[in-house]
C-alpha atoms as a PDB file:
ATOM      1  CA  MET A   1     105.729  95.452 102.547  1.00  0.00           C
ATOM      2  CA  GLU A   2     107.828  98.616 102.613  1.00  0.00           C
ATOM      3  CA  THR A   3     105.889 101.842 102.064  1.00  0.00           C
ATOM      4  CA  GLN A   4     107.890 104.501 100.223  1.00  0.00           C
ATOM      5  CA  ILE A   5     107.121 108.222 100.098  1.00  0.00           C
ATOM      6  CA  CYS A   6     108.443 109.674  96.848  1.00  0.00           C
ATOM      7  CA  LYS A   7     108.056 113.046  95.182  1.00  0.00           C
ATOM      8  CA  ALA A   8     105.540 112.791  92.329  1.00  0.00           C
ATOM      9  CA  GLU A   9     107.986 113.001  89.442  1.00  0.00           C
ATOM     10  CA  GLY A  10     110.198 110.973  87.117  1.00  0.00           C
ATOM     11  CA  GLU A  11     110.960 107.436  88.200  1.00  0.00           C
ATOM     12  CA  ALA A  12     108.377 107.528  91.004  1.00  0.00           C
ATOM     13  CA  LEU A  13     105.607 108.238  88.484  1.00  0.00           C
ATOM     14  CA  ARG A  14     106.762 105.373  86.281  1.00  0.00           C
ATOM     15  CA  LYS A  15     106.850 103.074  89.302  1.00  0.00           C
ATOM     16  CA  ALA A  16     103.362 104.195  90.322  1.00  0.00           C
ATOM     17  CA  ALA A  17     101.997 103.448  86.843  1.00  0.00           C
ATOM     18  CA  ALA A  18     103.591  99.981  86.880  1.00  0.00           C
ATOM     19  CA  LEU A  19     102.091  99.259  90.296  1.00  0.00           C
ATOM     20  CA  ILE A  20      98.639 100.353  89.133  1.00  0.00           C
ATOM     21  CA  ARG A  21      98.851  98.121  86.048  1.00  0.00           C
ATOM     22  CA  ALA A  22      99.918  95.237  88.308  1.00  0.00           C
ATOM     23  CA  GLY A  23      96.737  95.646  90.364  1.00  0.00           C
ATOM     24  CA  GLN A  24      98.255  97.476  93.322  1.00  0.00           C
ATOM     25  CA  ALA A  25      96.952 100.567  95.152  1.00  0.00           C
ATOM     26  CA  VAL A  26      98.963 103.792  95.196  1.00  0.00           C
ATOM     27  CA  ALA A  27      98.342 106.952  97.244  1.00  0.00           C
ATOM     28  CA  PHE A  28      98.552 110.289  95.422  1.00  0.00           C
ATOM     29  CA  HIS A  29      98.157 114.000  96.089  1.00  0.00           C
ATOM     30  CA  THR A  30      95.168 116.043  94.955  1.00  0.00           C
ATOM     31  CA  GLU A  31      94.229 119.648  95.708  1.00  0.00           C
ATOM     32  CA  THR A  32      91.603 118.452  98.214  1.00  0.00           C
ATOM     33  CA  VAL A  33      92.929 115.403 100.111  1.00  0.00           C
ATOM     34  CA  TYR A  34      95.246 112.494  99.272  1.00  0.00           C
ATOM     35  CA  GLY A  35      93.600 109.653  97.381  1.00  0.00           C
ATOM     36  CA  LEU A  36      94.132 105.883  97.504  1.00  0.00           C
ATOM     37  CA  GLY A  37      93.978 104.882  93.853  1.00  0.00           C
ATOM     38  CA  ALA A  38      93.616 101.696  91.843  1.00  0.00           C
ATOM     39  CA  ASN A  39      92.712 100.730  88.270  1.00  0.00           C
ATOM     40  CA  ALA A  40      88.976 101.375  87.898  1.00  0.00           C
ATOM     41  CA  PHE A  41      88.684  98.672  85.218  1.00  0.00           C
ATOM     42  CA  SER A  42      89.904  95.903  87.538  1.00  0.00           C
ATOM     43  CA  ASP A  43      87.499  94.234  89.952  1.00  0.00           C
ATOM     44  CA  GLU A  44      90.373  92.838  92.001  1.00  0.00           C
ATOM     45  CA  ALA A  45      92.145  96.195  92.278  1.00  0.00           C
ATOM     46  CA  VAL A  46      88.982  98.094  93.243  1.00  0.00           C
ATOM     47  CA  LEU A  47      88.068  95.512  95.873  1.00  0.00           C
ATOM     48  CA  LYS A  48      91.576  95.902  97.311  1.00  0.00           C
ATOM     49  CA  ILE A  49      90.762  99.545  98.110  1.00  0.00           C
ATOM     50  CA  PHE A  50      87.714  98.538 100.132  1.00  0.00           C
ATOM     51  CA  VAL A  51      89.753  95.957 102.059  1.00  0.00           C
ATOM     52  CA  LEU A  52      92.687  98.301 102.733  1.00  0.00           C
ATOM     53  CA  LYS A  53      90.430 101.052 104.063  1.00  0.00           C
ATOM     54  CA  GLY A  54      87.901  98.841 105.819  1.00  0.00           C
ATOM     55  CA  ARG A  55      85.335 100.713 103.716  1.00  0.00           C
ATOM     56  CA  PRO A  56      81.648  99.693 103.687  1.00  0.00           C
ATOM     57  CA  ALA A  57      80.833  97.774 100.501  1.00  0.00           C
ATOM     58  CA  ASP A  58      77.920 100.054  99.579  1.00  0.00           C
ATOM     59  CA  ASN A  59      79.922 103.321  99.712  1.00  0.00           C
ATOM     60  CA  PRO A  60      80.695 104.257  96.064  1.00  0.00           C
ATOM     61  CA  LEU A  61      84.033 105.505  94.778  1.00  0.00           C
ATOM     62  CA  ILE A  62      85.078 108.422  92.576  1.00  0.00           C
ATOM     63  CA  VAL A  63      87.022 107.871  89.360  1.00  0.00           C
ATOM     64  CA  HIS A  64      89.867 110.325  88.668  1.00  0.00           C
ATOM     65  CA  VAL A  65      91.117 111.169  85.154  1.00  0.00           C
ATOM     66  CA  HIS A  66      93.504 113.713  83.659  1.00  0.00           C
ATOM     67  CA  PRO A  67      92.149 116.728  81.709  1.00  0.00           C
ATOM     68  CA  GLU A  68      92.733 115.180  78.266  1.00  0.00           C
ATOM     69  CA  TYR A  69      91.056 111.871  79.076  1.00  0.00           C
ATOM     70  CA  ASP A  70      87.970 111.255  76.919  1.00  0.00           C
ATOM     71  CA  ILE A  71      85.200 110.662  79.452  1.00  0.00           C
ATOM     72  CA  SER A  72      82.698 109.818  76.698  1.00  0.00           C
ATOM     73  CA  CYS A  73      83.930 106.226  76.953  1.00  0.00           C
ATOM     74  CA  LEU A  74      82.928 106.173  80.618  1.00  0.00           C
ATOM     75  CA  VAL A  75      79.450 107.729  80.580  1.00  0.00           C
ATOM     76  CA  ASP A  76      76.047 107.124  78.965  1.00  0.00           C
ATOM     77  CA  GLY A  77      75.295 110.706  77.984  1.00  0.00           C
ATOM     78  CA  GLU A  78      74.962 113.939  79.915  1.00  0.00           C
ATOM     79  CA  PRO A  79      72.535 116.863  80.317  1.00  0.00           C
ATOM     80  CA  PRO A  80      73.199 120.181  78.505  1.00  0.00           C
ATOM     81  CA  TYR A  81      74.447 121.981  81.622  1.00  0.00           C
ATOM     82  CA  ALA A  82      77.251 119.476  82.282  1.00  0.00           C
ATOM     83  CA  GLU A  83      79.592 120.779  79.582  1.00  0.00           C
ATOM     84  CA  ALA A  84      79.260 124.338  80.894  1.00  0.00           C
ATOM     85  CA  LEU A  85      80.069 123.159  84.411  1.00  0.00           C
ATOM     86  CA  ARG A  86      83.147 121.284  83.202  1.00  0.00           C
ATOM     87  CA  LYS A  87      84.407 124.371  81.402  1.00  0.00           C
ATOM     88  CA  ALA A  88      83.806 126.542  84.462  1.00  0.00           C
ATOM     89  CA  PHE A  89      85.197 124.349  87.237  1.00  0.00           C
ATOM     90  CA  LEU A  90      87.444 121.624  85.836  1.00  0.00           C
ATOM     91  CA  PRO A  91      90.147 120.772  86.519  1.00  0.00           C
ATOM     92  CA  GLY A  92      89.201 121.421  90.116  1.00  0.00           C
ATOM     93  CA  PRO A  93      87.482 120.173  93.279  1.00  0.00           C
ATOM     94  CA  LEU A  94      84.206 119.146  91.611  1.00  0.00           C
ATOM     95  CA  THR A  95      83.064 115.543  91.109  1.00  0.00           C
ATOM     96  CA  MET A  96      80.297 115.066  88.540  1.00  0.00           C
ATOM     97  CA  VAL A  97      78.002 112.032  88.639  1.00  0.00           C
ATOM     98  CA  TYR A  98      76.826 110.772  85.226  1.00  0.00           C
ATOM     99  CA  PRO A  99      74.563 107.967  83.981  1.00  0.00           C
ATOM    100  CA  SER A 100      76.888 105.012  83.385  1.00  0.00           C
ATOM    101  CA  GLU A 101      76.624 101.242  83.450  1.00  0.00           C
ATOM    102  CA  GLY A 102      79.209  98.592  82.641  1.00  0.00           C
ATOM    103  CA  LYS A 103      82.049 100.979  81.741  1.00  0.00           C
ATOM    104  CA  VAL A 104      84.296 100.254  84.741  1.00  0.00           C
ATOM    105  CA  SER A 105      84.377  97.658  87.522  1.00  0.00           C
ATOM    106  CA  LYS A 106      80.917  97.078  88.963  1.00  0.00           C
ATOM    107  CA  TYR A 107      82.400  97.618  92.435  1.00  0.00           C
ATOM    108  CA  VAL A 108      83.256 101.287  91.794  1.00  0.00           C
ATOM    109  CA  SER A 109      79.629 102.454  91.941  1.00  0.00           C
ATOM    110  CA  CYS A 110      78.409  99.683  94.261  1.00  0.00           C
ATOM    111  CA  GLY A 111      75.608  98.641  91.917  1.00  0.00           C
ATOM    112  CA  LEU A 112      74.327 102.132  91.091  1.00  0.00           C
ATOM    113  CA  PRO A 113      73.658 103.001  87.400  1.00  0.00           C
ATOM    114  CA  THR A 114      75.965 106.006  87.678  1.00  0.00           C
ATOM    115  CA  LEU A 115      79.650 106.924  87.757  1.00  0.00           C
ATOM    116  CA  ALA A 116      81.311 109.765  89.687  1.00  0.00           C
ATOM    117  CA  ILE A 117      84.172 111.385  87.758  1.00  0.00           C
ATOM    118  CA  ARG A 118      86.676 113.994  88.881  1.00  0.00           C
ATOM    119  CA  VAL A 119      89.497 115.886  87.137  1.00  0.00           C
ATOM    120  CA  PRO A 120      91.859 117.130  89.855  1.00  0.00           C
ATOM    121  CA  SER A 121      93.800 120.359  89.362  1.00  0.00           C
ATOM    122  CA  SER A 122      96.823 119.255  91.413  1.00  0.00           C
ATOM    123  CA  PRO A 123      99.891 119.108  89.125  1.00  0.00           C
ATOM    124  CA  ALA A 124     101.075 116.023  91.023  1.00  0.00           C
ATOM    125  CA  ALA A 125      97.738 114.268  90.446  1.00  0.00           C
ATOM    126  CA  GLN A 126      97.699 115.200  86.767  1.00  0.00           C
ATOM    127  CA  ALA A 127     101.255 113.930  86.268  1.00  0.00           C
ATOM    128  CA  PHE A 128     100.306 110.596  87.856  1.00  0.00           C
ATOM    129  CA  LEU A 129      97.041 110.265  85.909  1.00  0.00           C
ATOM    130  CA  LYS A 130      98.718 111.102  82.598  1.00  0.00           C
ATOM    131  CA  GLU A 131     101.490 108.595  83.279  1.00  0.00           C
ATOM    132  CA  VAL A 132      99.055 105.753  83.954  1.00  0.00           C
ATOM    133  CA  ASN A 133      96.402 106.974  81.449  1.00  0.00           C
ATOM    134  CA  LEU A 134      93.645 104.942  83.083  1.00  0.00           C
ATOM    135  CA  PRO A 135      90.614 105.955  85.138  1.00  0.00           C
ATOM    136  CA  ILE A 136      91.710 105.663  88.762  1.00  0.00           C
ATOM    137  CA  ALA A 137      89.132 104.784  91.400  1.00  0.00           C
ATOM    138  CA  ALA A 138      90.171 106.618  94.548  1.00  0.00           C
ATOM    139  CA  PRO A 139      88.587 107.415  97.895  1.00  0.00           C
ATOM    140  CA  SER A 140      90.554 109.406 100.471  1.00  0.00           C
ATOM    141  CA  ALA A 141      93.767 107.669 101.566  1.00  0.00           C
ATOM    142  CA  ASN A 142      92.835 107.019 105.184  1.00  0.00           C
ATOM    143  CA  ILE A 143      91.455 104.159 107.208  1.00  0.00           C
ATOM    144  CA  SER A 144      87.664 104.299 106.995  1.00  0.00           C
ATOM    145  CA  LYS A 145      86.117 106.731 109.514  1.00  0.00           C
ATOM    146  CA  HIS A 146      89.484 108.286 110.380  1.00  0.00           C
ATOM    147  CA  VAL A 147      90.385 111.900 109.574  1.00  0.00           C
ATOM    148  CA  SER A 148      91.113 112.423 105.869  1.00  0.00           C
ATOM    149  CA  PRO A 149      94.804 112.922 104.976  1.00  0.00           C
ATOM    150  CA  VAL A 150      96.179 116.240 103.729  1.00  0.00           C
ATOM    151  CA  THR A 151      99.882 115.342 103.814  1.00  0.00           C
ATOM    152  CA  ALA A 152     101.875 112.317 102.684  1.00  0.00           C
ATOM    153  CA  GLN A 153     102.798 111.682 106.333  1.00  0.00           C
ATOM    154  CA  HIS A 154      99.092 111.366 107.230  1.00  0.00           C
ATOM    155  CA  VAL A 155      98.774 108.635 104.597  1.00  0.00           C
ATOM    156  CA  PHE A 156     101.910 106.924 105.899  1.00  0.00           C
ATOM    157  CA  ASP A 157     100.526 107.005 109.446  1.00  0.00           C
ATOM    158  CA  ASP A 158      97.446 105.047 108.298  1.00  0.00           C
ATOM    159  CA  PHE A 159      98.984 102.712 105.699  1.00  0.00           C
ATOM    160  CA  ASN A 160     102.633 102.118 106.543  1.00  0.00           C
ATOM    161  CA  GLY A 161     103.462  98.564 105.497  1.00  0.00           C
ATOM    162  CA  ARG A 162     100.148  98.096 103.657  1.00  0.00           C
ATOM    163  CA  ILE A 163     100.676  99.986 100.375  1.00  0.00           C
ATOM    164  CA  PRO A 164     103.884 100.199  98.330  1.00  0.00           C
ATOM    165  CA  LEU A 165     104.000 103.868  97.352  1.00  0.00           C
ATOM    166  CA  ILE A 166     102.806 107.351  98.340  1.00  0.00           C
ATOM    167  CA  LEU A 167     103.297 110.065  95.713  1.00  0.00           C
ATOM    168  CA  ASP A 168     104.104 113.207  97.677  1.00  0.00           C
ATOM    169  CA  GLY A 169     102.741 116.448  96.248  1.00  0.00           C
ATOM    170  CA  GLY A 170     103.005 118.468  99.454  1.00  0.00           C
ATOM    171  CA  ALA A 171     100.187 119.659 101.687  1.00  0.00           C
ATOM    172  CA  CYS A 172      96.728 119.778 100.072  1.00  0.00           C
ATOM    173  CA  ALA A 173      95.668 123.383  99.516  1.00  0.00           C
ATOM    174  CA  GLY A 174      91.885 122.844  99.549  1.00  0.00           C
ATOM    175  CA  GLY A 175      91.698 120.693 102.646  1.00  0.00           C
ATOM    176  CA  ILE A 176      88.242 119.100 102.336  1.00  0.00           C
ATOM    177  CA  GLU A 177      86.931 116.651  99.759  1.00  0.00           C
ATOM    178  CA  SER A 178      85.458 117.706  96.429  1.00  0.00           C
ATOM    179  CA  THR A 179      81.873 118.771  95.926  1.00  0.00           C
ATOM    180  CA  VAL A 180      79.906 115.834  94.478  1.00  0.00           C
ATOM    181  CA  LEU A 181      77.260 116.891  91.973  1.00  0.00           C
ATOM    182  CA  ASP A 182      74.519 114.656  90.567  1.00  0.00           C
ATOM    183  CA  CYS A 183      74.295 115.430  86.842  1.00  0.00           C
ATOM    184  CA  THR A 184      71.668 112.834  85.939  1.00  0.00           C
ATOM    185  CA  GLY A 185      68.590 115.089  86.222  1.00  0.00           C
ATOM    186  CA  THR A 186      67.178 118.235  84.674  1.00  0.00           C
ATOM    187  CA  ILE A 187      69.043 120.373  87.201  1.00  0.00           C
ATOM    188  CA  PRO A 188      72.253 119.501  89.068  1.00  0.00           C
ATOM    189  CA  GLN A 189      71.965 118.427  92.701  1.00  0.00           C
ATOM    190  CA  ILE A 190      74.724 118.534  95.286  1.00  0.00           C
ATOM    191  CA  LEU A 191      75.232 115.165  96.965  1.00  0.00           C
ATOM    192  CA  ARG A 192      78.192 116.308  99.079  1.00  0.00           C
ATOM    193  CA  GLU A 193      79.151 119.907  99.799  1.00  0.00           C
ATOM    194  CA  GLY A 194      82.702 121.037  99.155  1.00  0.00           C
ATOM    195  CA  LEU A 195      84.835 123.849  97.790  1.00  0.00           C
ATOM    196  CA  VAL A 196      82.631 124.439  94.727  1.00  0.00           C
ATOM    197  CA  THR A 197      79.483 125.892  96.276  1.00  0.00           C
ATOM    198  CA  ARG A 198      75.814 125.734  95.359  1.00  0.00           C
ATOM    199  CA  GLU A 199      75.881 129.415  94.408  1.00  0.00           C
ATOM    200  CA  MET A 200      78.852 128.887  92.095  1.00  0.00           C
ATOM    201  CA  ILE A 201      77.153 125.972  90.356  1.00  0.00           C
ATOM    202  CA  ALA A 202      73.814 127.786  90.007  1.00  0.00           C
ATOM    203  CA  SER A 203      75.563 130.784  88.441  1.00  0.00           C
ATOM    204  CA  VAL A 204      76.647 128.522  85.573  1.00  0.00           C
ATOM    205  CA  ALA A 205      73.832 125.955  85.350  1.00  0.00           C
ATOM    206  CA  GLY A 206      70.960 128.330  86.132  1.00  0.00           C
ATOM    207  CA  ASP A 207      69.854 126.335  89.179  1.00  0.00           C
ATOM    208  CA  CYS A 208      71.218 123.860  91.684  1.00  0.00           C
ATOM    209  CA  GLY A 209      69.553 121.702  94.304  1.00  0.00           C
ATOM    210  CA  VAL A 210      70.925 120.012  97.420  1.00  0.00           C
ATOM    211  CA  TYR A 211      69.987 116.366  97.821  1.00  0.00           C
ATOM    212  CA  ARG A 212      68.901 115.131 101.241  1.00  0.00           C
ATOM    213  CA  ALA A 213      69.223 111.381 101.692  1.00  0.00           C
ATOM    214  CA  LYS A 214      66.260 109.480 103.077  1.00  0.00           C
ATOM    215  CA  VAL A 215      66.635 107.213 106.100  1.00  0.00           C
ATOM    216  CA  GLY A 216      67.870 103.776 105.040  1.00  0.00           C
ATOM    217  CA  GLU A 217      68.620 104.868 101.478  1.00  0.00           C
ATOM    218  CA  LYS A 218      71.710 103.491  99.749  1.00  0.00           C
ATOM    219  CA  PRO A 219      74.419 106.174  99.524  1.00  0.00           C
ATOM    220  CA  LYS A 220      74.618 107.904  96.120  1.00  0.00           C
ATOM    221  CA  SER A 221      77.972 109.457  96.932  1.00  0.00           C
ATOM    222  CA  PRO A 222      80.911 109.171  99.315  1.00  0.00           C
ATOM    223  CA  GLY A 223      80.345 111.161 102.500  1.00  0.00           C
ATOM    224  CA  MET A 224      76.555 110.739 102.569  1.00  0.00           C
ATOM    225  CA  ALA A 225      76.440 107.961 105.156  1.00  0.00           C
ATOM    226  CA  TYR A 226      78.494 106.493 107.964  1.00  0.00           C
ATOM    227  CA  LYS A 227      80.682 108.195 110.522  1.00  0.00           C
ATOM    228  CA  HIS A 228      83.503 110.121 108.896  1.00  0.00           C
ATOM    229  CA  TYR A 229      86.547 112.254 109.612  1.00  0.00           C
ATOM    230  CA  SER A 230      86.868 111.067 113.237  1.00  0.00           C
ATOM    231  CA  PRO A 231      89.925 111.682 115.442  1.00  0.00           C
ATOM    232  CA  ARG A 232      91.316 108.742 117.413  1.00  0.00           C
ATOM    233  CA  CYS A 233      90.532 110.316 120.747  1.00  0.00           C
ATOM    234  CA  ARG A 234      87.365 111.172 122.630  1.00  0.00           C
ATOM    235  CA  THR A 235      85.521 114.191 121.270  1.00  0.00           C
ATOM    236  CA  ALA A 236      82.926 116.689 122.439  1.00  0.00           C
ATOM    237  CA  PHE A 237      80.779 118.918 120.241  1.00  0.00           C
ATOM    238  CA  CYS A 238      79.863 122.360 121.607  1.00  0.00           C
ATOM    239  CA  THR A 239      78.052 125.401 120.300  1.00  0.00           C
ATOM    240  CA  THR A 240      79.398 127.938 122.806  1.00  0.00           C
ATOM    241  CA  ALA A 241      82.681 128.748 124.522  1.00  0.00           C
ATOM    242  CA  GLU A 242      80.965 128.242 127.906  1.00  0.00           C
ATOM    243  CA  GLU A 243      80.078 124.656 127.057  1.00  0.00           C
ATOM    244  CA  ALA A 244      83.605 123.995 125.846  1.00  0.00           C
ATOM    245  CA  ILE A 245      85.176 125.431 129.007  1.00  0.00           C
ATOM    246  CA  ALA A 246      82.975 123.167 131.155  1.00  0.00           C
ATOM    247  CA  PHE A 247      84.136 120.088 129.217  1.00  0.00           C
ATOM    248  CA  TYR A 248      87.737 121.311 129.382  1.00  0.00           C
ATOM    249  CA  GLU A 249      87.769 121.909 133.136  1.00  0.00           C
ATOM    250  CA  ARG A 250      86.135 118.564 133.918  1.00  0.00           C
ATOM    251  CA  GLU A 251      88.651 116.687 131.770  1.00  0.00           C
ATOM    252  CA  ALA A 252      91.604 118.581 133.267  1.00  0.00           C
ATOM    253  CA  ALA A 253      90.348 117.923 136.819  1.00  0.00           C
ATOM    254  CA  GLN A 254      90.317 114.195 136.047  1.00  0.00           C
ATOM    255  CA  GLY A 255      93.953 114.313 134.938  1.00  0.00           C
ATOM    256  CA  GLY A 256      93.204 114.317 131.223  1.00  0.00           C
ATOM    257  CA  ALA A 257      94.681 116.439 128.453  1.00  0.00           C
ATOM    258  CA  PRO A 258      91.842 118.480 126.933  1.00  0.00           C
ATOM    259  CA  CYS A 259      92.218 120.662 123.840  1.00  0.00           C
ATOM    260  CA  ILE A 260      89.738 122.990 122.127  1.00  0.00           C
ATOM    261  CA  LEU A 261      89.400 123.421 118.348  1.00  0.00           C
ATOM    262  CA  CYS A 262      87.640 126.656 117.423  1.00  0.00           C
ATOM    263  CA  GLU A 263      87.549 129.599 115.040  1.00  0.00           C
ATOM    264  CA  SER A 264      89.964 132.473 115.649  1.00  0.00           C
ATOM    265  CA  ALA A 265      87.387 134.890 117.071  1.00  0.00           C
ATOM    266  CA  LEU A 266      86.827 132.687 120.139  1.00  0.00           C
ATOM    267  CA  LEU A 267      90.451 132.317 121.210  1.00  0.00           C
ATOM    268  CA  PRO A 268      90.506 135.441 123.454  1.00  0.00           C
ATOM    269  CA  THR A 269      87.507 134.112 125.413  1.00  0.00           C
ATOM    270  CA  LEU A 270      89.186 130.804 126.306  1.00  0.00           C
ATOM    271  CA  GLY A 271      91.620 132.142 128.861  1.00  0.00           C
ATOM    272  CA  GLY A 272      94.880 130.649 127.660  1.00  0.00           C
ATOM    273  CA  ARG A 273      93.579 127.080 127.601  1.00  0.00           C
ATOM    274  CA  GLU A 274      95.130 124.609 125.153  1.00  0.00           C
ATOM    275  CA  CYS A 275      93.561 125.469 121.783  1.00  0.00           C
ATOM    276  CA  LEU A 276      93.910 124.887 118.049  1.00  0.00           C
ATOM    277  CA  ASP A 277      93.081 127.831 115.777  1.00  0.00           C
ATOM    278  CA  LEU A 278      90.732 126.805 112.955  1.00  0.00           C
ATOM    279  CA  GLY A 279      90.943 130.221 111.283  1.00  0.00           C
ATOM    280  CA  ALA A 280      88.735 133.205 110.561  1.00  0.00           C
ATOM    281  CA  ASN A 281      87.103 132.391 107.212  1.00  0.00           C
ATOM    282  CA  GLY A 282      85.737 129.428 105.318  1.00  0.00           C
ATOM    283  CA  GLU A 283      88.705 128.861 103.011  1.00  0.00           C
ATOM    284  CA  THR A 284      91.165 128.865 105.902  1.00  0.00           C
ATOM    285  CA  MET A 285      88.953 126.568 107.981  1.00  0.00           C
ATOM    286  CA  ALA A 286      88.656 124.128 105.091  1.00  0.00           C
ATOM    287  CA  ARG A 287      92.428 124.111 104.595  1.00  0.00           C
ATOM    288  CA  ARG A 288      93.224 123.635 108.310  1.00  0.00           C
ATOM    289  CA  LEU A 289      90.456 121.351 109.563  1.00  0.00           C
ATOM    290  CA  TYR A 290      91.853 117.882 108.876  1.00  0.00           C
ATOM    291  CA  ALA A 291      95.439 118.770 109.781  1.00  0.00           C
ATOM    292  CA  LEU A 292      94.236 120.170 113.117  1.00  0.00           C
ATOM    293  CA  LEU A 293      92.033 117.155 113.820  1.00  0.00           C
ATOM    294  CA  ARG A 294      95.089 114.943 113.332  1.00  0.00           C
ATOM    295  CA  LYS A 295      97.205 117.262 115.480  1.00  0.00           C
ATOM    296  CA  GLY A 296      94.513 117.268 118.159  1.00  0.00           C
ATOM    297  CA  GLU A 297      94.218 113.496 118.345  1.00  0.00           C
ATOM    298  CA  ALA A 298      97.976 113.256 118.908  1.00  0.00           C
ATOM    299  CA  ARG A 299      97.994 115.614 121.893  1.00  0.00           C
ATOM    300  CA  ALA A 300      94.541 115.398 123.530  1.00  0.00           C
ATOM    301  CA  SER A 301      92.634 112.857 125.597  1.00  0.00           C
ATOM    302  CA  LEU A 302      89.501 114.904 124.818  1.00  0.00           C
ATOM    303  CA  LEU A 303      89.271 117.103 121.720  1.00  0.00           C
ATOM    304  CA  ILE A 304      86.523 119.698 122.129  1.00  0.00           C
ATOM    305  CA  GLY A 305      85.091 121.289 119.000  1.00  0.00           C
ATOM    306  CA  ILE A 306      83.180 124.575 119.099  1.00  0.00           C
ATOM    307  CA  GLU A 307      80.916 124.844 116.058  1.00  0.00           C
ATOM    308  CA  PRO A 308      82.036 127.802 113.902  1.00  0.00           C
ATOM    309  CA  LYS A 309      79.574 130.674 113.553  1.00  0.00           C
ATOM    310  CA  GLU A 310      80.908 131.626 110.112  1.00  0.00           C
ATOM    311  CA  ARG A 311      78.406 130.910 107.317  1.00  0.00           C
ATOM    312  CA  GLY A 312      78.280 131.234 103.544  1.00  0.00           C
ATOM    313  CA  GLY A 313      80.680 130.138 100.811  1.00  0.00           C
ATOM    314  CA  VAL A 314      82.465 126.878 101.562  1.00  0.00           C
ATOM    315  CA  MET A 315      81.175 126.752 105.147  1.00  0.00           C
ATOM    316  CA  ALA A 316      78.445 124.253 104.226  1.00  0.00           C
ATOM    317  CA  GLY A 317      81.216 121.779 103.443  1.00  0.00           C
ATOM    318  CA  VAL A 318      83.304 122.729 106.474  1.00  0.00           C
ATOM    319  CA  LEU A 319      80.356 122.401 108.853  1.00  0.00           C
ATOM    320  CA  ASN A 320      79.399 119.035 107.356  1.00  0.00           C
ATOM    321  CA  ARG A 321      82.857 117.646 108.126  1.00  0.00           C
ATOM    322  CA  PHE A 322      83.144 119.410 111.487  1.00  0.00           C
ATOM    323  CA  THR A 323      79.834 118.040 112.750  1.00  0.00           C
ATOM    324  CA  ARG A 324      80.636 114.504 111.610  1.00  0.00           C
ATOM    325  CA  ALA A 325      84.124 114.630 113.105  1.00  0.00           C
ATOM    326  CA  PHE A 326      82.828 115.661 116.519  1.00  0.00           C
ATOM    327  CA  GLY A 327      79.807 113.376 116.611  1.00  0.00           C
ATOM    328  CA  GLY A 328      77.156 116.103 116.388  1.00  0.00           C
ATOM    329  CA  THR A 329      75.820 116.919 119.838  1.00  0.00           C
ATOM    330  CA  HIS A 330      77.491 114.773 122.450  1.00  0.00           C
ATOM    331  CA  GLU A 331      80.763 113.515 123.846  1.00  0.00           C
ATOM    332  CA  THR A 332      81.959 110.315 122.150  1.00  0.00           C
END
């Protein structure tokens, strides 16, 4: 199979819609990361996503729709705060989980009585979703456990020869996946942190919790279980520049090619060693993280991550991905 990268417009959009209706998977741009989409009504098409990615069968998917799509046909009701949240944050990087059974393929939600729905703000995503006018089940367009893709080339690197089409919308401005919000209870609960923060949600809904999964519990949302966002090289997680320098010097002495990923403030302390600049604030770190992880895996035998000290805002989401990418507390 030849994999084409085409700008998300005109004939490419029509081709993408035809492929979706024929049961194929198509990669498309969103403001967060690229998605690997298929018709959410089709069991065969949804299962194809799991096979292509090597995704665990109990890891639920998010359904993407355009702003004019009537989601009432996909959900079994909603709490009063949900409409206010939609008006405040959609289209945008917020996924809302509703009560729903039997509305789309049973494989989308992996047996859960809920459905996660997102309305992306990316013009390229909206053009694609309007052209196909179907709910599109779409996880990130990467091989399972690998770093999420924020450019069309990242998708191509993972899926060349395995999918027919990548709709190119440019680099993703947000950089980390959407916030996933459980809207099935009396107050909303964050299942996965992202660019829409707990404080932002609480300012609209009046309150907002953060769900903590119990050991052995079935995932309620993507990103709650399993190793994620991992570079294809060895990694080391550090909390100080001193720790990172020790890893760096040992790797260099053994003939390796170490590289350090850290926030901007630490660069002067690292003595000209090979480094990647994560940035100085949460929004910049979110936008750069996945691109730098991919850059790091291409140049380093050991990629050393120094945990950012920045807190607040979107940093909960950044730190979640950073810690998972670097394996927490040890070299991997």
